[in-house]
Protein backbone atom coordinates (compact mmCIF):
# COMPACT_ATOMS: atom_id res chain seq x y z
CA MET A 1 -18.45 -14.09 -10.18
CA GLY A 2 -21.94 -14.60 -12.34
CA SER A 3 -25.37 -14.09 -11.21
CA GLU A 4 -24.14 -14.08 -7.63
CA VAL A 5 -24.26 -10.64 -5.32
CA GLN A 6 -20.61 -9.42 -5.04
CA VAL A 7 -18.49 -9.40 -2.32
CA ARG A 8 -17.65 -5.83 -1.15
CA VAL A 9 -14.80 -4.85 0.67
CA LEU A 10 -13.76 -1.44 2.43
CA MET A 11 -9.64 -0.72 2.76
CA VAL A 12 -8.87 2.19 4.78
CA THR A 13 -5.15 3.48 5.20
CA PHE A 14 -3.23 6.25 5.03
CA SER A 15 -2.13 8.00 1.95
CA THR A 16 1.43 8.41 2.83
CA HIS A 17 3.89 5.80 0.28
CA GLY A 18 4.37 3.03 3.14
CA HIS A 19 1.12 2.36 3.67
CA LEU A 20 -0.87 2.87 0.71
CA ASN A 21 1.28 0.87 -1.44
CA PRO A 22 0.92 -2.66 0.45
CA THR A 23 -3.15 -1.64 0.71
CA LEU A 24 -3.35 -1.58 -3.25
CA ARG A 25 -1.59 -4.65 -3.73
CA LEU A 26 -3.52 -6.56 -1.62
CA ALA A 27 -6.80 -4.70 -3.24
CA LYS A 28 -5.71 -6.14 -6.26
CA ARG A 29 -4.93 -9.14 -5.10
CA LEU A 30 -8.90 -9.29 -3.72
CA VAL A 31 -10.10 -8.03 -7.11
CA SER A 32 -8.68 -10.74 -9.31
CA LYS A 33 -10.24 -12.87 -6.77
CA GLY A 34 -13.73 -11.74 -7.50
CA LEU A 35 -14.23 -9.03 -4.88
CA HIS A 36 -14.95 -5.51 -5.24
CA VAL A 37 -13.14 -3.27 -3.54
CA THR A 38 -13.41 0.35 -1.95
CA VAL A 39 -10.10 2.32 -0.84
CA ALA A 40 -10.98 5.02 1.49
CA THR A 41 -7.61 7.33 2.35
CA THR A 42 -6.48 10.60 4.28
CA GLU A 43 -5.79 13.50 2.70
CA ALA A 44 -2.41 14.36 1.62
CA GLU A 45 -0.05 15.53 4.64
CA ARG A 46 -3.33 14.82 7.39
CA ALA A 47 -2.35 11.63 8.04
CA LEU A 48 -0.86 12.64 11.86
CA ILE A 49 -3.68 15.23 12.48
CA GLY A 50 -4.49 14.79 16.24
CA SER A 51 -8.36 15.17 15.21
CA LEU A 52 -8.15 12.31 12.68
CA GLN A 53 -9.86 10.08 14.99
CA ASN A 54 -12.73 12.04 15.55
CA VAL A 55 -13.01 13.63 11.57
CA GLY A 56 -11.91 9.78 10.71
CA SER A 57 -14.69 8.36 12.31
CA LYS A 58 -17.45 10.22 10.93
CA ASN A 59 -16.25 10.30 7.69
CA LEU A 60 -16.10 6.32 7.72
CA SER A 61 -19.51 5.73 9.22
CA SER A 62 -20.74 8.21 6.00
CA ILE A 63 -19.09 6.22 3.54
CA ILE A 64 -20.15 3.01 4.91
CA ASN A 65 -23.47 4.32 5.00
CA ASN A 66 -23.26 5.64 1.51
CA LEU A 67 -21.75 2.10 -0.03
CA SER A 68 -24.10 0.33 2.15
CA ASN A 69 -27.50 2.05 -0.13
CA ASN A 70 -29.00 -0.12 -2.55
CA ASP A 71 -28.04 -3.56 -0.64
CA LYS A 72 -24.62 -3.16 -1.58
CA LYS A 73 -23.59 -4.14 1.89
CA ILE A 74 -19.69 -4.12 3.19
CA SER A 75 -18.84 -7.81 4.02
CA CYS A 76 -15.31 -6.70 5.63
CA ILE A 77 -13.25 -3.89 6.83
CA ILE A 78 -9.46 -3.81 6.03
CA ALA A 79 -7.73 -0.98 8.45
CA ASN A 80 -4.22 0.15 8.50
CA PRO A 81 -2.73 -0.60 12.41
CA PHE A 82 -2.10 2.65 12.51
CA MET A 83 -5.78 3.55 12.54
CA PRO A 84 -6.85 1.76 15.89
CA TRP A 85 -10.23 3.69 16.06
CA VAL A 86 -11.56 1.99 12.95
CA PRO A 87 -12.65 -1.29 14.44
CA ASP A 88 -15.01 0.70 16.63
CA VAL A 89 -16.41 1.85 13.85
CA ALA A 90 -16.65 -1.62 12.23
CA ALA A 91 -18.24 -2.98 15.66
CA GLU A 92 -21.11 -0.28 15.20
CA HIS A 93 -22.18 -0.83 12.04
CA LYS A 94 -21.77 -4.56 12.75
CA ILE A 95 -19.28 -4.97 9.98
CA PRO A 96 -15.86 -7.84 10.42
CA CYS A 97 -12.98 -6.08 10.97
CA ALA A 98 -9.27 -7.18 9.50
CA VAL A 99 -6.05 -5.34 10.01
CA LEU A 100 -3.66 -5.07 7.61
CA TRP A 101 -0.40 -5.40 9.58
CA ILE A 102 2.26 -3.14 7.08
CA GLN A 103 5.70 -3.82 9.22
CA ALA A 104 7.38 -7.90 9.58
CA CYS A 105 5.32 -10.08 11.47
CA ALA A 106 7.88 -9.95 13.51
CA ALA A 107 7.42 -6.38 14.46
CA TYR A 108 3.62 -7.18 15.62
CA TYR A 109 5.17 -10.22 17.77
CA ILE A 110 7.51 -7.36 19.68
CA TYR A 111 4.93 -4.98 19.95
CA TYR A 112 1.97 -8.15 21.12
CA HIS A 113 4.86 -9.18 23.77
CA TYR A 114 5.62 -5.60 24.93
CA PHE A 115 1.88 -4.74 25.73
CA LYS A 116 0.71 -8.29 26.85
CA HIS A 117 3.62 -9.37 28.61
CA PRO A 118 5.94 -6.46 29.78
CA GLN A 119 7.70 -8.50 32.24
CA LEU A 120 9.60 -10.13 29.33
CA PHE A 121 11.37 -6.32 28.79
CA PRO A 122 13.71 -4.90 30.58
CA SER A 123 14.70 -1.12 31.01
CA LEU A 124 15.08 0.12 27.70
CA GLU A 125 16.82 2.84 29.24
CA ASN A 126 20.26 0.97 28.27
CA PRO A 127 20.48 0.54 24.42
CA ASN A 128 22.90 -2.41 24.83
CA GLU A 129 20.61 -4.20 27.39
CA ALA A 130 19.19 -7.66 25.34
CA VAL A 131 15.61 -8.75 24.89
CA HIS A 132 14.42 -12.44 25.14
CA LEU A 133 11.61 -13.09 23.66
CA PRO A 134 10.74 -16.87 22.25
CA ALA A 135 10.55 -17.76 18.49
CA MET A 136 13.26 -14.47 17.55
CA PRO A 137 16.85 -14.26 18.13
CA SER A 138 18.06 -12.12 21.23
CA LEU A 139 17.29 -8.75 20.58
CA LEU A 140 19.35 -5.69 22.08
CA VAL A 141 17.09 -2.54 23.15
CA ASN A 142 18.51 -0.56 20.00
CA GLU A 143 17.56 -3.61 17.69
CA LEU A 144 13.95 -3.12 18.97
CA PRO A 145 11.23 -0.58 17.39
CA SER A 146 12.33 2.55 17.92
CA PHE A 147 8.55 3.59 18.95
CA LEU A 148 8.74 1.67 22.08
CA LEU A 149 12.12 3.44 23.70
CA PRO A 150 11.86 6.40 25.72
CA SER A 151 12.90 8.76 23.13
CA GLY A 152 10.19 7.47 20.86
CA PRO A 153 7.16 9.70 19.69
CA ILE A 154 4.50 8.93 22.32
CA HIS A 155 1.98 9.50 20.14
CA PHE A 156 2.64 6.25 17.76
CA LYS A 157 3.47 4.25 20.89
CA GLN A 158 -0.06 5.14 22.19
CA LEU A 159 -1.46 4.07 18.32
CA VAL A 160 0.17 0.46 18.95
CA SER A 161 -1.21 0.49 22.38
CA ASP A 162 -4.87 1.31 21.36
CA LEU A 163 -4.40 -1.31 18.79
CA MET A 164 -3.29 -3.90 21.01
CA ARG A 165 -6.21 -3.30 22.97
CA LYS A 166 -9.01 -3.99 20.77
CA LEU A 167 -7.75 -6.92 19.28
CA ASP A 168 -11.18 -7.86 20.65
CA LYS A 169 -12.48 -7.20 17.70
CA VAL A 170 -10.33 -7.79 15.20
CA LYS A 171 -11.35 -10.88 13.23
CA TRP A 172 -8.34 -11.34 11.11
CA VAL A 173 -4.21 -9.97 11.31
CA LEU A 174 -3.40 -9.74 7.81
CA GLY A 175 0.58 -9.73 7.48
CA SER A 176 2.38 -7.90 4.58
CA SER A 177 4.58 -10.67 4.78
CA PHE A 178 4.70 -15.07 3.63
CA TYR A 179 5.19 -17.72 6.06
CA GLU A 180 8.34 -19.08 4.97
CA LEU A 181 10.38 -15.89 5.77
CA GLU A 182 8.70 -15.58 9.02
CA GLU A 183 8.03 -19.28 9.97
CA ASN A 184 9.17 -19.09 13.71
CA VAL A 185 7.17 -15.99 14.50
CA VAL A 186 3.82 -17.23 12.63
CA ALA A 187 3.94 -20.55 14.23
CA SER A 188 4.29 -18.96 17.76
CA MET A 189 1.54 -15.80 17.23
CA ALA A 190 -0.96 -18.80 16.11
CA THR A 191 -0.75 -20.34 19.62
CA PHE A 192 -2.53 -16.72 20.69
CA THR A 193 -3.25 -13.89 18.21
CA PRO A 194 -2.88 -15.76 14.72
CA ILE A 195 -1.52 -13.25 11.79
CA ILE A 196 -1.97 -14.45 8.44
CA PRO A 197 0.78 -13.51 6.08
CA VAL A 198 -1.03 -12.76 2.45
CA GLY A 199 2.81 -11.01 0.96
CA PRO A 200 5.27 -10.60 -0.34
CA LEU A 201 2.72 -7.38 -1.03
CA VAL A 202 5.17 -6.37 -4.05
CA SER A 203 4.01 -5.62 -7.82
CA PRO A 204 3.28 -9.07 -9.57
CA PHE A 205 6.31 -8.59 -12.41
CA MET A 206 8.20 -9.10 -9.52
CA LEU A 207 6.80 -12.66 -9.20
CA GLY A 208 7.14 -13.67 -12.85
CA LYS A 209 3.31 -12.07 -12.77
CA GLN A 210 2.13 -10.58 -16.06
CA GLU A 211 1.49 -6.35 -15.12
CA ASN A 212 -1.66 -4.70 -16.08
CA ALA A 213 -0.36 -2.22 -18.45
CA THR A 214 -3.54 -0.08 -17.42
CA ALA A 215 -2.78 0.16 -13.84
CA PRO A 216 -2.27 3.16 -12.21
CA SER A 217 1.49 3.41 -10.97
CA LEU A 218 2.03 3.69 -7.42
CA ASP A 219 5.07 5.39 -7.21
CA MET A 220 5.04 8.96 -5.85
CA TRP A 221 7.39 10.90 -7.24
CA SER A 222 7.96 10.24 -11.15
CA THR A 223 7.70 13.66 -12.52
CA ALA A 224 9.04 14.67 -15.66
CA GLU A 225 11.60 16.47 -15.08
CA GLU A 226 13.44 13.68 -12.73
CA CYS A 227 15.48 10.71 -14.76
CA SER A 228 13.08 8.59 -16.40
CA CYS A 229 13.04 4.78 -15.89
CA ILE A 230 14.02 4.33 -19.60
CA GLU A 231 17.40 6.63 -19.08
CA ILE A 232 17.92 4.07 -15.80
CA HIS A 233 17.37 1.26 -16.99
CA GLN A 234 19.20 1.86 -20.27
CA TRP A 235 22.37 2.87 -18.57
CA LEU A 236 21.96 -0.53 -16.15
CA ASN A 237 22.31 -2.34 -19.68
CA LYS A 238 25.78 -1.37 -19.80
CA LYS A 239 27.26 -2.38 -16.61
CA PRO A 240 28.09 -6.22 -15.64
CA PRO A 241 26.33 -8.42 -14.03
CA SER A 242 25.82 -7.81 -10.60
CA SER A 243 27.99 -5.13 -10.25
CA VAL A 244 25.94 -2.10 -9.37
CA ILE A 245 25.54 -0.67 -5.81
CA TYR A 246 21.68 0.67 -5.64
CA ILE A 247 21.54 3.70 -2.71
CA SER A 248 17.97 4.69 -1.44
CA PHE A 249 16.72 5.48 2.28
CA GLY A 250 13.27 5.32 1.18
CA SER A 251 10.77 8.20 0.87
CA LEU A 252 11.36 10.11 3.94
CA LEU A 253 14.78 9.30 5.80
CA VAL A 254 17.11 12.76 4.98
CA LEU A 255 20.73 11.57 5.50
CA SER A 256 22.85 14.14 7.25
CA GLN A 257 26.04 16.04 5.54
CA ASN A 258 28.16 13.55 7.35
CA GLN A 259 26.49 10.66 6.04
CA ILE A 260 26.08 11.74 2.62
CA ASP A 261 29.74 12.79 2.59
CA SER A 262 30.92 8.98 3.80
CA ILE A 263 28.96 7.18 1.30
CA ALA A 264 30.50 9.46 -1.26
CA ALA A 265 33.94 9.22 -0.35
CA ALA A 266 33.50 5.17 -0.01
CA LEU A 267 31.93 5.37 -3.57
CA ILE A 268 34.88 6.91 -5.02
CA ASN A 269 37.66 4.71 -3.23
CA THR A 270 35.66 1.29 -4.31
CA LYS A 271 35.63 2.67 -7.66
CA ARG A 272 32.45 0.38 -8.35
CA PRO A 273 29.00 1.79 -10.26
CA PHE A 274 26.36 2.46 -8.31
CA LEU A 275 23.38 3.96 -8.79
CA TRP A 276 21.99 6.75 -5.86
CA VAL A 277 18.40 7.90 -5.30
CA ILE A 278 19.06 11.57 -3.36
CA ARG A 279 15.19 13.16 -3.13
CA SER A 280 15.19 16.55 -3.81
CA GLN A 281 15.53 18.19 0.01
CA GLU A 282 12.97 20.99 -0.16
CA ASN A 283 11.92 22.33 3.04
CA LYS A 284 14.01 19.57 4.81
CA GLU A 285 17.31 19.74 6.92
CA GLY A 286 19.88 17.27 5.18
CA GLY A 287 23.03 17.20 3.33
CA VAL A 288 24.26 17.64 -0.31
CA LEU A 289 26.73 16.07 -2.82
CA ARG A 290 29.97 18.28 -2.39
CA ALA A 291 30.99 19.62 -5.66
CA GLY A 292 33.07 17.83 -7.92
CA PHE A 293 31.76 14.19 -6.92
CA LEU A 294 29.35 13.61 -9.95
CA GLU A 295 32.07 14.70 -12.54
CA GLU A 296 34.73 12.65 -10.65
CA THR A 297 31.99 9.54 -11.14
CA LYS A 298 30.50 10.88 -13.82
CA ASP A 299 31.89 7.17 -16.17
CA ARG A 300 30.05 4.60 -13.59
CA GLY A 301 27.87 6.42 -11.43
CA LEU A 302 24.50 8.07 -11.80
CA VAL A 303 22.61 10.03 -9.26
CA VAL A 304 18.54 10.31 -9.66
CA LYS A 305 16.05 11.97 -7.70
CA TRP A 306 13.75 8.96 -8.41
CA CYS A 307 13.49 5.40 -9.65
CA SER A 308 10.78 2.49 -9.92
CA GLN A 309 13.18 0.80 -7.32
CA GLU A 310 11.30 -2.62 -7.96
CA LYS A 311 12.56 -2.16 -11.31
CA VAL A 312 15.87 -1.39 -10.07
CA LEU A 313 16.49 -4.51 -7.75
CA MET A 314 15.18 -6.64 -10.72
CA HIS A 315 17.60 -5.65 -12.87
CA PRO A 316 20.86 -8.15 -13.27
CA ALA A 317 23.20 -5.40 -13.04
CA VAL A 318 22.07 -4.78 -9.20
CA SER A 319 25.00 -6.47 -6.94
CA CYS A 320 23.40 -5.19 -3.56
CA PHE A 321 21.35 -2.34 -1.78
CA LEU A 322 22.25 -0.08 1.05
CA THR A 323 19.11 0.64 2.20
CA HIS A 324 16.96 2.12 5.50
CA CYS A 325 15.22 -1.25 6.15
CA GLY A 326 11.54 -0.06 5.72
CA TRP A 327 9.84 -3.22 5.16
CA ASN A 328 8.05 -2.66 1.85
CA SER A 329 11.91 -2.14 0.62
CA THR A 330 12.41 -4.96 2.92
CA LEU A 331 10.06 -7.30 0.52
CA GLU A 332 10.96 -6.06 -2.55
CA THR A 333 14.84 -6.64 -1.83
CA VAL A 334 14.08 -10.30 -0.72
CA ALA A 335 11.48 -10.72 -3.98
CA ALA A 336 14.53 -9.46 -5.96
CA GLY A 337 16.85 -11.64 -4.88
CA VAL A 338 19.71 -9.22 -3.70
CA PRO A 339 21.56 -8.73 -0.65
CA VAL A 340 21.63 -5.57 1.20
CA ILE A 341 23.99 -3.41 3.51
CA ALA A 342 21.67 -2.17 6.12
CA TYR A 343 21.36 1.10 7.59
CA PRO A 344 18.19 1.55 9.75
CA GLU A 345 17.22 4.26 11.53
CA TRP A 346 14.10 4.51 13.17
CA THR A 347 10.58 3.08 13.88
CA ASP A 348 10.88 -0.76 12.28
CA GLN A 349 13.82 -0.13 10.28
CA PRO A 350 16.30 -1.40 13.10
CA THR A 351 13.78 -5.33 13.40
CA ASP A 352 14.32 -5.27 10.25
CA ALA A 353 18.23 -4.99 9.42
CA LYS A 354 18.14 -7.83 12.61
CA LEU A 355 16.23 -9.87 10.74
CA LEU A 356 18.14 -9.26 7.34
CA VAL A 357 21.19 -9.91 8.95
CA ASP A 358 20.67 -12.26 11.82
CA VAL A 359 17.34 -14.56 10.53
CA PHE A 360 17.44 -14.27 6.82
CA LYS A 361 20.99 -14.12 6.20
CA ILE A 362 21.17 -11.96 3.23
CA GLY A 363 23.00 -8.43 4.81
CA VAL A 364 25.42 -6.74 6.55
CA ARG A 365 24.93 -4.37 9.08
CA MET A 366 26.23 -0.89 8.66
CA ARG A 367 26.76 1.34 12.11
CA ASN A 368 27.63 4.45 13.41
CA GLU A 369 30.86 5.72 15.99
CA GLU A 370 30.12 5.86 19.04
CA ASP A 371 29.52 9.95 18.33
CA GLY A 372 27.02 9.29 16.23
CA THR A 373 28.73 9.57 13.20
CA LEU A 374 29.63 7.40 9.66
CA SER A 375 32.34 6.77 9.03
CA ILE A 376 34.04 6.31 5.23
CA GLN A 377 35.71 3.14 6.65
CA GLN A 378 32.34 1.68 8.05
CA VAL A 379 30.82 2.09 4.38
CA GLN A 380 33.59 0.44 2.88
CA ARG A 381 33.61 -2.59 4.89
CA CYS A 382 29.99 -2.88 4.26
CA ILE A 383 30.40 -2.53 0.35
CA ASP A 384 33.36 -5.05 0.36
CA GLU A 385 31.67 -7.43 2.48
CA ALA A 386 28.66 -7.51 0.46
CA THR A 387 29.81 -7.71 -2.89
CA LYS A 388 33.21 -10.04 -2.45
CA GLY A 389 34.00 -13.21 -1.39
CA LEU A 390 32.99 -16.21 0.59
CA ASN A 391 30.23 -14.27 2.91
CA ALA A 392 29.18 -12.64 0.34
CA THR A 393 28.79 -16.04 -2.11
CA GLN A 394 26.23 -17.51 0.27
CA MET A 395 24.27 -14.16 0.87
CA LYS A 396 23.62 -14.17 -2.79
CA LYS A 397 22.37 -17.71 -2.70
CA ARG A 398 20.29 -17.27 0.42
CA ALA A 399 19.05 -14.37 -1.27
CA VAL A 400 17.76 -16.24 -4.62
CA ALA A 401 16.53 -19.19 -2.83
CA LEU A 402 14.41 -16.77 -0.80
CA LYS A 403 13.18 -14.81 -4.09
CA GLU A 404 11.85 -18.20 -5.24
CA ALA A 405 9.91 -19.07 -2.20
CA ALA A 406 8.44 -15.47 -2.24
CA LYS A 407 7.44 -16.34 -6.03
CA LYS A 408 5.91 -19.74 -4.79
CA ALA A 409 4.01 -18.05 -1.41
CA LEU A 410 1.57 -16.41 -3.96
CA GLU A 411 1.41 -19.15 -6.72
CA ASP A 412 -1.58 -21.03 -6.77
CA GLY A 413 -1.59 -23.21 -4.31
CA GLY A 414 1.11 -20.89 -2.10
CA SER A 415 0.89 -20.60 1.38
CA SER A 416 0.06 -16.58 1.25
CA ASP A 417 -2.57 -17.74 -1.92
CA ALA A 418 -4.12 -20.58 0.43
CA ASN A 419 -4.03 -17.87 3.22
CA ILE A 420 -5.81 -14.89 1.00
CA ASN A 421 -8.56 -17.56 -0.22
CA ARG A 422 -9.34 -18.91 3.38
CA PHE A 423 -9.55 -15.16 4.35
CA ILE A 424 -12.25 -14.57 1.45
CA ASN A 425 -14.39 -17.83 2.07
CA GLU A 426 -14.66 -16.71 5.82
CA ILE A 427 -15.67 -13.29 4.96
CA THR A 428 -18.32 -14.79 1.91
CA GLY A 429 -19.41 -17.39 4.71
CA LYS A 430 -18.10 -20.54 2.73
């Protein structure tokens, strides 16, 4: 920026994988446009401690004071949406505040209407009750973010409620999405509380950009004893194009024994190549693969504890993605142009699954039986529907079209790039 005073931005987020990754990716984007960015995060394993608000507020004020020394004034604070106390601290220091919404714009839209217009929502006790919101397809109660349901944890619901009450202290809501993906919702929100898409916040190589070789990895489980990216890539290279079923359920979800058994049996029956990520179950209750599965499938299957998901999704051998539908994973599969088998569990995942299947039309929905178990037949049906026939062909065509739209959104002059430039101009006063 030559002799100009460099604009300083402070980003505040949790240290968990799903929160930190989009924050760092936006930070890199801002740095590439000449801004100085500092990221403040929680200590590991302290994200949900009840005292975080009091401790975090004091620590954040100290960080602001330290960074503001020597005329290095902070021009903007970008907060995680589940830290509703950050806008208060920003207001105390008279610093403009933005929120980086790390879920779908549709999830923000639902939360906003729930807390601002509760009359639009019927009783949430009946999972089959329909909710009708403008700019969205009809939603069953069990397709809403689980935080809103009576069975959901009250503290998460309270965090979102606190954010909605403090929107008057938030100047910008930035969305980890792109306009072309959620056009109806973004356009509808523009009439009251705009959300500004600045994504997809994925690694640059997924969008055809050069990756900085010296940039630190954002992956949290890339340890020496786990199957390396090189080995996985070599294995994928030996598989035919669009043949491999990729299976991963994120960094937090733990599968039950029934779920693992049913998926494993379906993989045996379908006889298709697969790459399955099963994380270590240390200190967690969960299922394990039955004896003999690895031996029976060794010629066409690979089970690993970790992989670089973005690199796997970008490999031409991958046919479809069996996913929990976390928003980061959703954006990654959109950027890669890979159809999905949607199997959500909680939080915003059921809403993301609804988007993938009924709005984006690049997925099939895998559902439990009425007794809550997952059947082998259900898994097989979804694999067949996602990989065979006219429906699979149409889903792949739409997925490729969304991939191109994602790429264009962050190109120079694209919708998200233009939004980022406008945001920078506003915080710099240009």
